[in-house]
């Protein structure tokens, strides 16, 4: 490092930024094998945080190789530099007060530990997926070039969150996201919601829930499924609206025999009953434009 450079302190400190955002900055580092659902979990976690009025940003390993890390290959030294860069960027996001969600295979334990050391505290949260079925397929020779079988993968030894299968079944992305959020809440990273998000619990839009949800469930379940898939990236097999408010609606969904609840946020706050219908139509049009 050059000796003629100096650190410039910001006039606004980390504590002040966190107070403004009503949350504490941290890094949720999701590590796991290829195909274990890291990106899906990251997206679900970001959505669930959004519905709670919390600001997050996803650093996806593949996405970063389109820009920041496009000069790096997959040699050992490039893999190390790839993780180092992501760690430095994640540290900046956390310092800004955001909940940074880093989703990368990051196969080497020492590289993940180096990122933890950058944070200099307890704001680095390592979460790992435990998809035993992927190991089984790879060992049977059905998946080639699989990190962890053909390439090395070093599992975390003392991660903060281990997302395991339950009774032989993989939990839904939303269920896993809620598990991560429960940890963040317990550790004080998610402070009290701002008034505008608390207002959703008693806002007047809720009085229109029953007629709207009844109409959607009776005649437009396929439309609800399309909106859920487009908004959350979860290809649900069924979707019934439970209730709604000015910020979005809750859905009872099924996927591969599992039933779970999904929160679907509106693109903006609904002002009245007519606006609720307008927002649902807009979301459906967006979903259909992608599918076409």
Foldseek 3Di string as FASTA:
>chain_A
DDPPDDDDDDPAFLVNLQVVQQFAFFEEEEAEWPPLCLVLLVLLLCQVCVLLSAAEEEAELVVCCVDVLVVADPPPVSLLVSLVVVLVVSLVCRRSGHHYYYRDNSQDPVSLVVSVVVNVDDRYAYEYEDDVVVVVCVVVVNDPPIDVRPHDGDDDDDGPYYQYADPPHHDDSNVVSVVVVVVSVVVRRRGHGDPVSVVQVVPPQQVCWVVVQVVCQVPNFVLVQLLCCVQSVDNFPTWGWDTATQFFTKIFTHDPRDTDIGTGGFPHGQDHPVSVVVRSVVSSVVSVVVVD
